[in-house]
């Protein structure tokens, strides 16, 4: 009984991870769109940085996050520093 519950939890975690992986191409397209079109709306960029930061907690999206953060740094150095600090805390 206990083993079944553990297996169920493992399966749910795998499914969650797979769902997140499926979202990465969509996020990558959005990030590319932001950069290519020179979008500077800080709320939009912050939304995607927050989303990608949560993906990093699960070992996904690090390269996309860094690409967007480096772009954001050209728009708002102080705002980007906040995300660099958050990223560095996650890496520790």
PDB file of N, CA and C in Angstrom:
ATOM      1  N   UNK A   1       0.824  -1.193   0.000  1.00  0.00           N
ATOM      2  CA  UNK A   1       0.000   0.000   0.000  1.00  0.00           C
ATOM      3  C   UNK A   1       0.869   1.260   0.000  1.00  0.00           C
ATOM      4  N   UNK A   2       1.847   1.299   0.903  1.00  0.00           N
ATOM      5  CA  UNK A   2       2.742   2.454   0.978  1.00  0.00           C
ATOM      6  C   UNK A   2       3.530   2.612  -0.318  1.00  0.00           C
ATOM      7  N   UNK A   3       3.968   1.486  -0.863  1.00  0.00           N
ATOM      8  CA  UNK A   3       4.747   1.502  -2.093  1.00  0.00           C
ATOM      9  C   UNK A   3       3.911   2.029  -3.258  1.00  0.00           C
ATOM     10  N   UNK A   4       2.616   1.667  -3.291  1.00  0.00           N
ATOM     11  CA  UNK A   4       1.732   2.169  -4.343  1.00  0.00           C
ATOM     12  C   UNK A   4       1.601   3.688  -4.265  1.00  0.00           C
ATOM     13  N   UNK A   5       1.471   4.209  -3.063  1.00  0.00           N
ATOM     14  CA  UNK A   5       1.358   5.659  -2.881  1.00  0.00           C
ATOM     15  C   UNK A   5       2.621   6.364  -3.353  1.00  0.00           C
ATOM     16  N   UNK A   6       3.764   5.789  -3.031  1.00  0.00           N
ATOM     17  CA  UNK A   6       5.037   6.362  -3.457  1.00  0.00           C
ATOM     18  C   UNK A   6       5.154   6.328  -4.975  1.00  0.00           C
ATOM     19  N   UNK A   7       4.751   5.220  -5.576  1.00  0.00           N
ATOM     20  CA  UNK A   7       4.779   5.115  -7.036  1.00  0.00           C
ATOM     21  C   UNK A   7       3.840   6.132  -7.680  1.00  0.00           C
ATOM     22  N   UNK A   8       2.682   6.342  -7.062  1.00  0.00           N
ATOM     23  CA  UNK A   8       1.733   7.337  -7.576  1.00  0.00           C
ATOM     24  C   UNK A   8       2.332   8.739  -7.524  1.00  0.00           C
ATOM     25  N   UNK A   9       3.001   9.047  -6.437  1.00  0.00           N
ATOM     26  CA  UNK A   9       3.641  10.358  -6.289  1.00  0.00           C
ATOM     27  C   UNK A   9       4.740  10.531  -7.330  1.00  0.00           C
ATOM     28  N   UNK A  10       5.547   9.493  -7.517  1.00  0.00           N
ATOM     29  CA  UNK A  10       6.615   9.557  -8.525  1.00  0.00           C
ATOM     30  C   UNK A  10       6.032   9.786  -9.914  1.00  0.00           C
ATOM     31  N   UNK A  11       4.932   9.100 -10.209  1.00  0.00           N
ATOM     32  CA  UNK A  11       4.285   9.249 -11.513  1.00  0.00           C
ATOM     33  C   UNK A  11       3.751  10.673 -11.701  1.00  0.00           C
ATOM     34  N   UNK A  12       3.156  11.225 -10.669  1.00  0.00           N
ATOM     35  CA  UNK A  12       2.656  12.601 -10.745  1.00  0.00           C
ATOM     36  C   UNK A  12       3.784  13.600 -10.984  1.00  0.00           C
ATOM     37  N   UNK A  13       4.896  13.387 -10.322  1.00  0.00           N
ATOM     38  CA  UNK A  13       6.060  14.266 -10.507  1.00  0.00           C
ATOM     39  C   UNK A  13       6.577  14.163 -11.932  1.00  0.00           C
ATOM     40  N   UNK A  14       6.658  12.938 -12.458  1.00  0.00           N
ATOM     41  CA  UNK A  14       7.102  12.750 -13.846  1.00  0.00           C
ATOM     42  C   UNK A  14       6.162  13.461 -14.824  1.00  0.00           C
ATOM     43  N   UNK A  15       4.864  13.316 -14.597  1.00  0.00           N
ATOM     44  CA  UNK A  15       3.884  13.960 -15.475  1.00  0.00           C
ATOM     45  C   UNK A  15       3.995  15.482 -15.405  1.00  0.00           C
ATOM     46  N   UNK A  16       4.184  15.997 -14.211  1.00  0.00           N
ATOM     47  CA  UNK A  16       4.341  17.439 -14.026  1.00  0.00           C
ATOM     48  C   UNK A  16       5.567  17.939 -14.786  1.00  0.00           C
ATOM     49  N   UNK A  17       6.667  17.215 -14.656  1.00  0.00           N
ATOM     50  CA  UNK A  17       7.914  17.582 -15.334  1.00  0.00           C
ATOM     51  C   UNK A  17       7.722  17.536 -16.850  1.00  0.00           C
ATOM     52  N   UNK A  18       7.052  16.505 -17.342  1.00  0.00           N
ATOM     53  CA  UNK A  18       6.802  16.383 -18.781  1.00  0.00           C
ATOM     54  C   UNK A  18       5.935  17.534 -19.287  1.00  0.00           C
ATOM     55  N   UNK A  19       4.944  17.922 -18.504  1.00  0.00           N
ATOM     56  CA  UNK A  19       4.085  19.044 -18.877  1.00  0.00           C
ATOM     57  C   UNK A  19       4.904  20.329 -18.966  1.00  0.00           C
ATOM     58  N   UNK A  20       5.783  20.530 -18.010  1.00  0.00           N
ATOM     59  CA  UNK A  20       6.642  21.717 -18.036  1.00  0.00           C
ATOM     60  C   UNK A  20       7.549  21.695 -19.265  1.00  0.00           C
ATOM     61  N   UNK A  21       8.103  20.525 -19.583  1.00  0.00           N
ATOM     62  CA  UNK A  21       8.977  20.412 -20.754  1.00  0.00           C
ATOM     63  C   UNK A  21       8.234  20.789 -22.033  1.00  0.00           C
ATOM     64  N   UNK A  22       6.968  20.414 -22.109  1.00  0.00           N
ATOM     65  CA  UNK A  22       6.167  20.734 -23.295  1.00  0.00           C
ATOM     66  C   UNK A  22       5.927  22.232 -23.427  1.00  0.00           C
ATOM     67  N   UNK A  23       5.980  22.957 -22.328  1.00  0.00           N
ATOM     68  CA  UNK A  23       5.763  24.401 -22.348  1.00  0.00           C
ATOM     69  C   UNK A  23       7.005  25.172 -22.793  1.00  0.00           C
ATOM     70  N   UNK A  24       8.164  24.549 -22.696  1.00  0.00           N
ATOM     71  CA  UNK A  24       9.416  25.252 -23.014  1.00  0.00           C
ATOM     72  C   UNK A  24       9.466  25.823 -24.431  1.00  0.00           C
ATOM     73  N   UNK A  25       9.070  25.068 -25.470  1.00  0.00           N
ATOM     74  CA  UNK A  25       9.112  25.668 -26.812  1.00  0.00           C
ATOM     75  C   UNK A  25       8.229  26.911 -26.935  1.00  0.00           C
ATOM     76  N   UNK A  26       7.090  26.896 -26.265  1.00  0.00           N
ATOM     77  CA  UNK A  26       6.212  28.073 -26.292  1.00  0.00           C
ATOM     78  C   UNK A  26       6.879  29.259 -25.608  1.00  0.00           C
ATOM     79  N   UNK A  27       7.486  28.998 -24.465  1.00  0.00           N
ATOM     80  CA  UNK A  27       8.192  30.064 -23.749  1.00  0.00           C
ATOM     81  C   UNK A  27       9.373  30.578 -24.562  1.00  0.00           C
ATOM     82  N   UNK A  28      10.079  29.663 -25.195  1.00  0.00           N
ATOM     83  CA  UNK A  28      11.223  30.067 -26.012  1.00  0.00           C
ATOM     84  C   UNK A  28      10.774  30.962 -27.168  1.00  0.00           C
ATOM     85  N   UNK A  29       9.647  30.619 -27.791  1.00  0.00           N
ATOM     86  CA  UNK A  29       9.107  31.462 -28.865  1.00  0.00           C
ATOM     87  C   UNK A  29       8.732  32.844 -28.355  1.00  0.00           C
ATOM     88  N   UNK A  30       8.119  32.903 -27.192  1.00  0.00           N
ATOM     89  CA  UNK A  30       7.733  34.193 -26.614  1.00  0.00           C
ATOM     90  C   UNK A  30       8.961  35.045 -26.298  1.00  0.00           C
ATOM     91  N   UNK A  31       9.974  34.415 -25.731  1.00  0.00           N
ATOM     92  CA  UNK A  31      11.213  35.134 -25.409  1.00  0.00           C
ATOM     93  C   UNK A  31      11.861  35.641 -26.692  1.00  0.00           C
ATOM     94  N   UNK A  32      11.901  34.797 -27.712  1.00  0.00           N
ATOM     95  CA  UNK A  32      12.485  35.214 -28.987  1.00  0.00           C
ATOM     96  C   UNK A  32      11.704  36.383 -29.575  1.00  0.00           C
ATOM     97  N   UNK A  33      10.385  36.334 -29.458  1.00  0.00           N
ATOM     98  CA  UNK A  33       9.531  37.418 -29.940  1.00  0.00           C
ATOM     99  C   UNK A  33       9.831  38.726 -29.202  1.00  0.00           C
ATOM    100  N   UNK A  34       9.984  38.640 -27.897  1.00  0.00           N
ATOM    101  CA  UNK A  34      10.298  39.829 -27.087  1.00  0.00           C
ATOM    102  C   UNK A  34      11.609  40.456 -27.553  1.00  0.00           C
ATOM    103  N   UNK A  35      12.616  39.613 -27.718  1.00  0.00           N
ATOM    104  CA  UNK A  35      13.943  40.110 -28.094  1.00  0.00           C
ATOM    105  C   UNK A  35      13.947  40.635 -29.532  1.00  0.00           C
ATOM    106  N   UNK A  36      13.397  39.852 -30.447  1.00  0.00           N
ATOM    107  CA  UNK A  36      13.393  40.227 -31.864  1.00  0.00           C
ATOM    108  C   UNK A  36      12.635  41.521 -32.118  1.00  0.00           C
ATOM    109  N   UNK A  37      11.519  41.680 -31.425  1.00  0.00           N
ATOM    110  CA  UNK A  37      10.681  42.863 -31.640  1.00  0.00           C
ATOM    111  C   UNK A  37      11.026  44.021 -30.719  1.00  0.00           C
ATOM    112  N   UNK A  38      12.064  43.849 -29.918  1.00  0.00           N
ATOM    113  CA  UNK A  38      12.511  44.931 -29.052  1.00  0.00           C
ATOM    114  C   UNK A  38      11.467  45.363 -28.034  1.00  0.00           C
ATOM    115  N   UNK A  39      10.686  44.410 -27.553  1.00  0.00           N
ATOM    116  CA  UNK A  39       9.647  44.723 -26.567  1.00  0.00           C
ATOM    117  C   UNK A  39      10.319  45.148 -25.266  1.00  0.00           C
ATOM    118  N   UNK A  40       9.859  46.261 -24.721  1.00  0.00           N
ATOM    119  CA  UNK A  40      10.474  46.799 -23.501  1.00  0.00           C
ATOM    120  C   UNK A  40       9.513  46.858 -22.317  1.00  0.00           C
ATOM    121  N   UNK A  41       8.298  46.338 -22.488  1.00  0.00           N
ATOM    122  CA  UNK A  41       7.323  46.353 -21.401  1.00  0.00           C
ATOM    123  C   UNK A  41       7.837  45.499 -20.242  1.00  0.00           C
ATOM    124  N   UNK A  42       8.124  46.154 -19.139  1.00  0.00           N
ATOM    125  CA  UNK A  42       8.738  45.466 -18.005  1.00  0.00           C
ATOM    126  C   UNK A  42       7.803  44.461 -17.353  1.00  0.00           C
ATOM    127  N   UNK A  43       6.501  44.699 -17.406  1.00  0.00           N
ATOM    128  CA  UNK A  43       5.558  43.731 -16.851  1.00  0.00           C
ATOM    129  C   UNK A  43       5.577  42.431 -17.648  1.00  0.00           C
ATOM    130  N   UNK A  44       5.627  42.562 -18.963  1.00  0.00           N
ATOM    131  CA  UNK A  44       5.679  41.379 -19.824  1.00  0.00           C
ATOM    132  C   UNK A  44       6.972  40.613 -19.593  1.00  0.00           C
ATOM    133  N   UNK A  45       8.078  41.320 -19.616  1.00  0.00           N
ATOM    134  CA  UNK A  45       9.374  40.673 -19.421  1.00  0.00           C
ATOM    135  C   UNK A  45       9.446  40.049 -18.030  1.00  0.00           C
ATOM    136  N   UNK A  46       8.990  40.764 -17.026  1.00  0.00           N
ATOM    137  CA  UNK A  46       8.987  40.242 -15.662  1.00  0.00           C
ATOM    138  C   UNK A  46       8.151  38.987 -15.531  1.00  0.00           C
ATOM    139  N   UNK A  47       7.013  38.951 -16.222  1.00  0.00           N
ATOM    140  CA  UNK A  47       6.154  37.762 -16.191  1.00  0.00           C
ATOM    141  C   UNK A  47       6.925  36.541 -16.688  1.00  0.00           C
ATOM    142  N   UNK A  48       7.596  36.694 -17.821  1.00  0.00           N
ATOM    143  CA  UNK A  48       8.335  35.565 -18.386  1.00  0.00           C
ATOM    144  C   UNK A  48       9.562  35.212 -17.551  1.00  0.00           C
ATOM    145  N   UNK A  49      10.224  36.196 -16.993  1.00  0.00           N
ATOM    146  CA  UNK A  49      11.355  35.900 -16.109  1.00  0.00           C
ATOM    147  C   UNK A  49      10.886  35.143 -14.873  1.00  0.00           C
ATOM    148  N   UNK A  50       9.771  35.557 -14.283  1.00  0.00           N
ATOM    149  CA  UNK A  50       9.225  34.853 -13.119  1.00  0.00           C
ATOM    150  C   UNK A  50       8.856  33.414 -13.470  1.00  0.00           C
ATOM    151  N   UNK A  51       8.205  33.260 -14.617  1.00  0.00           N
ATOM    152  CA  UNK A  51       7.803  31.924 -15.055  1.00  0.00           C
ATOM    153  C   UNK A  51       9.020  31.037 -15.264  1.00  0.00           C
ATOM    154  N   UNK A  52      10.003  31.561 -15.975  1.00  0.00           N
ATOM    155  CA  UNK A  52      11.206  30.774 -16.253  1.00  0.00           C
ATOM    156  C   UNK A  52      12.002  30.492 -14.990  1.00  0.00           C
ATOM    157  N   UNK A  53      11.991  31.407 -14.060  1.00  0.00           N
ATOM    158  CA  UNK A  53      12.680  31.184 -12.790  1.00  0.00           C
ATOM    159  C   UNK A  53      12.067  29.994 -12.061  1.00  0.00           C
ATOM    160  N   UNK A  54      10.756  29.863 -12.133  1.00  0.00           N
ATOM    161  CA  UNK A  54      10.117  28.708 -11.496  1.00  0.00           C
ATOM    162  C   UNK A  54      10.452  27.418 -12.243  1.00  0.00           C
ATOM    163  N   UNK A  55      10.664  27.495 -13.540  1.00  0.00           N
ATOM    164  CA  UNK A  55      11.063  26.317 -14.306  1.00  0.00           C
ATOM    165  C   UNK A  55      12.470  25.870 -13.912  1.00  0.00           C
ATOM    166  N   UNK A  56      13.339  26.829 -13.648  1.00  0.00           N
ATOM    167  CA  UNK A  56      14.715  26.513 -13.262  1.00  0.00           C
ATOM    168  C   UNK A  56      14.738  25.675 -11.992  1.00  0.00           C
ATOM    169  N   UNK A  57      13.785  25.910 -11.103  1.00  0.00           N
ATOM    170  CA  UNK A  57      13.692  25.107  -9.879  1.00  0.00           C
ATOM    171  C   UNK A  57      13.550  23.622 -10.191  1.00  0.00           C
ATOM    172  N   UNK A  58      13.045  23.313 -11.388  1.00  0.00           N
ATOM    173  CA  UNK A  58      12.847  21.922 -11.807  1.00  0.00           C
ATOM    174  C   UNK A  58      13.870  21.493 -12.860  1.00  0.00           C
ATOM    175  N   UNK A  59      14.933  22.283 -13.001  1.00  0.00           N
ATOM    176  CA  UNK A  59      16.010  21.921 -13.919  1.00  0.00           C
ATOM    177  C   UNK A  59      15.712  22.206 -15.379  1.00  0.00           C
ATOM    178  N   UNK A  60      14.795  23.127 -15.642  1.00  0.00           N
ATOM    179  CA  UNK A  60      14.395  23.418 -17.018  1.00  0.00           C
ATOM    180  C   UNK A  60      14.494  24.917 -17.318  1.00  0.00           C
ATOM    181  N   UNK A  61      14.798  25.246 -18.564  1.00  0.00           N
ATOM    182  CA  UNK A  61      14.682  26.616 -19.041  1.00  0.00           C
ATOM    183  C   UNK A  61      15.783  27.591 -18.669  1.00  0.00           C
ATOM    184  N   UNK A  62      16.874  27.097 -18.136  1.00  0.00           N
ATOM    185  CA  UNK A  62      17.952  27.988 -17.686  1.00  0.00           C
ATOM    186  C   UNK A  62      18.480  28.864 -18.823  1.00  0.00           C
ATOM    187  N   UNK A  63      18.727  28.268 -19.985  1.00  0.00           N
ATOM    188  CA  UNK A  63      19.293  29.026 -21.100  1.00  0.00           C
ATOM    189  C   UNK A  63      18.324  30.090 -21.617  1.00  0.00           C
ATOM    190  N   UNK A  64      17.035  29.772 -21.621  1.00  0.00           N
ATOM    191  CA  UNK A  64      16.025  30.742 -22.061  1.00  0.00           C
ATOM    192  C   UNK A  64      15.944  31.896 -21.064  1.00  0.00           C
ATOM    193  N   UNK A  65      15.965  31.555 -19.780  1.00  0.00           N
ATOM    194  CA  UNK A  65      15.929  32.568 -18.724  1.00  0.00           C
ATOM    195  C   UNK A  65      17.107  33.526 -18.864  1.00  0.00           C
ATOM    196  N   UNK A  66      18.295  32.981 -19.029  1.00  0.00           N
ATOM    197  CA  UNK A  66      19.498  33.814 -19.122  1.00  0.00           C
ATOM    198  C   UNK A  66      19.446  34.696 -20.367  1.00  0.00           C
ATOM    199  N   UNK A  67      18.978  34.153 -21.478  1.00  0.00           N
ATOM    200  CA  UNK A  67      18.874  34.949 -22.706  1.00  0.00           C
ATOM    201  C   UNK A  67      17.944  36.147 -22.495  1.00  0.00           C
ATOM    202  N   UNK A  68      16.785  35.895 -21.878  1.00  0.00           N
ATOM    203  CA  UNK A  68      15.844  36.988 -21.625  1.00  0.00           C
ATOM    204  C   UNK A  68      16.400  37.967 -20.599  1.00  0.00           C
ATOM    205  N   UNK A  69      17.060  37.447 -19.583  1.00  0.00           N
ATOM    206  CA  UNK A  69      17.619  38.313 -18.547  1.00  0.00           C
ATOM    207  C   UNK A  69      18.721  39.210 -19.107  1.00  0.00           C
ATOM    208  N   UNK A  70      19.555  38.667 -19.974  1.00  0.00           N
ATOM    209  CA  UNK A  70      20.596  39.489 -20.596  1.00  0.00           C
ATOM    210  C   UNK A  70      19.971  40.588 -21.458  1.00  0.00           C
ATOM    211  N   UNK A  71      18.877  40.271 -22.121  1.00  0.00           N
ATOM    212  CA  UNK A  71      18.159  41.294 -22.888  1.00  0.00           C
ATOM    213  C   UNK A  71      17.572  42.341 -21.940  1.00  0.00           C
ATOM    214  N   UNK A  72      16.940  41.884 -20.865  1.00  0.00           N
ATOM    215  CA  UNK A  72      16.317  42.789 -19.893  1.00  0.00           C
ATOM    216  C   UNK A  72      17.349  43.729 -19.283  1.00  0.00           C
ATOM    217  N   UNK A  73      18.553  43.235 -19.126  1.00  0.00           N
ATOM    218  CA  UNK A  73      19.649  44.038 -18.561  1.00  0.00           C
ATOM    219  C   UNK A  73      19.918  45.283 -19.409  1.00  0.00           C
ATOM    220  N   UNK A  74      19.665  45.198 -20.709  1.00  0.00           N
ATOM    221  CA  UNK A  74      19.872  46.349 -21.593  1.00  0.00           C
ATOM    222  C   UNK A  74      18.758  47.383 -21.443  1.00  0.00           C
ATOM    223  N   UNK A  75      17.659  46.986 -20.822  1.00  0.00           N
ATOM    224  CA  UNK A  75      16.503  47.868 -20.643  1.00  0.00           C
ATOM    225  C   UNK A  75      16.464  48.457 -19.241  1.00  0.00           C
ATOM    226  N   UNK A  76      16.706  47.594 -18.254  1.00  0.00           N
ATOM    227  CA  UNK A  76      16.584  48.004 -16.850  1.00  0.00           C
ATOM    228  C   UNK A  76      17.638  47.262 -16.028  1.00  0.00           C
ATOM    229  N   UNK A  77      18.777  47.881 -15.855  1.00  0.00           N
ATOM    230  CA  UNK A  77      19.890  47.258 -15.141  1.00  0.00           C
ATOM    231  C   UNK A  77      19.507  46.885 -13.717  1.00  0.00           C
ATOM    232  N   UNK A  78      18.833  47.783 -13.041  1.00  0.00           N
ATOM    233  CA  UNK A  78      18.447  47.541 -11.650  1.00  0.00           C
ATOM    234  C   UNK A  78      17.442  46.387 -11.539  1.00  0.00           C
ATOM    235  N   UNK A  79      16.467  46.379 -12.429  1.00  0.00           N
ATOM    236  CA  UNK A  79      15.484  45.291 -12.445  1.00  0.00           C
ATOM    237  C   UNK A  79      16.133  43.959 -12.763  1.00  0.00           C
ATOM    238  N   UNK A  80      17.078  43.982 -13.693  1.00  0.00           N
ATOM    239  CA  UNK A  80      17.780  42.754 -14.058  1.00  0.00           C
ATOM    240  C   UNK A  80      18.612  42.236 -12.894  1.00  0.00           C
ATOM    241  N   UNK A  81      19.187  43.144 -12.126  1.00  0.00           N
ATOM    242  CA  UNK A  81      19.989  42.736 -10.970  1.00  0.00           C
ATOM    243  C   UNK A  81      19.145  41.930  -9.981  1.00  0.00           C
ATOM    244  N   UNK A  82      17.894  42.338  -9.797  1.00  0.00           N
ATOM    245  CA  UNK A  82      16.989  41.588  -8.925  1.00  0.00           C
ATOM    246  C   UNK A  82      16.886  40.138  -9.393  1.00  0.00           C
ATOM    247  N   UNK A  83      16.699  39.937 -10.701  1.00  0.00           N
ATOM    248  CA  UNK A  83      16.560  38.576 -11.232  1.00  0.00           C
ATOM    249  C   UNK A  83      17.873  37.805 -11.200  1.00  0.00           C
ATOM    250  N   UNK A  84      18.992  38.493 -11.401  1.00  0.00           N
ATOM    251  CA  UNK A  84      20.284  37.821 -11.263  1.00  0.00           C
ATOM    252  C   UNK A  84      20.454  37.315  -9.834  1.00  0.00           C
ATOM    253  N   UNK A  85      20.072  38.143  -8.859  1.00  0.00           N
ATOM    254  CA  UNK A  85      20.171  37.723  -7.456  1.00  0.00           C
ATOM    255  C   UNK A  85      19.266  36.530  -7.171  1.00  0.00           C
ATOM    256  N   UNK A  86      18.050  36.554  -7.700  1.00  0.00           N
ATOM    257  CA  UNK A  86      17.130  35.424  -7.524  1.00  0.00           C
ATOM    258  C   UNK A  86      17.713  34.161  -8.158  1.00  0.00           C
ATOM    259  N   UNK A  87      18.251  34.318  -9.341  1.00  0.00           N
ATOM    260  CA  UNK A  87      18.853  33.190 -10.057  1.00  0.00           C
ATOM    261  C   UNK A  87      20.033  32.624  -9.265  1.00  0.00           C
ATOM    262  N   UNK A  88      20.887  33.501  -8.769  1.00  0.00           N
ATOM    263  CA  UNK A  88      22.057  33.048  -8.009  1.00  0.00           C
ATOM    264  C   UNK A  88      21.653  32.351  -6.719  1.00  0.00           C
ATOM    265  N   UNK A  89      20.585  32.797  -6.080  1.00  0.00           N
ATOM    266  CA  UNK A  89      20.097  32.120  -4.875  1.00  0.00           C
ATOM    267  C   UNK A  89      19.612  30.717  -5.207  1.00  0.00           C
ATOM    268  N   UNK A  90      18.981  30.559  -6.364  1.00  0.00           N
ATOM    269  CA  UNK A  90      18.516  29.232  -6.784  1.00  0.00           C
ATOM    270  C   UNK A  90      19.679  28.300  -7.083  1.00  0.00           C
ATOM    271  N   UNK A  91      20.767  28.862  -7.559  1.00  0.00           N
ATOM    272  CA  UNK A  91      21.930  28.054  -7.930  1.00  0.00           C
ATOM    273  C   UNK A  91      22.693  27.545  -6.715  1.00  0.00           C
ATOM    274  N   UNK A  92      22.515  28.190  -5.581  1.00  0.00           N
ATOM    275  CA  UNK A  92      23.273  27.810  -4.373  1.00  0.00           C
ATOM    276  C   UNK A  92      22.762  26.552  -3.759  1.00  0.00           C
TER     277      UNK A  92
END
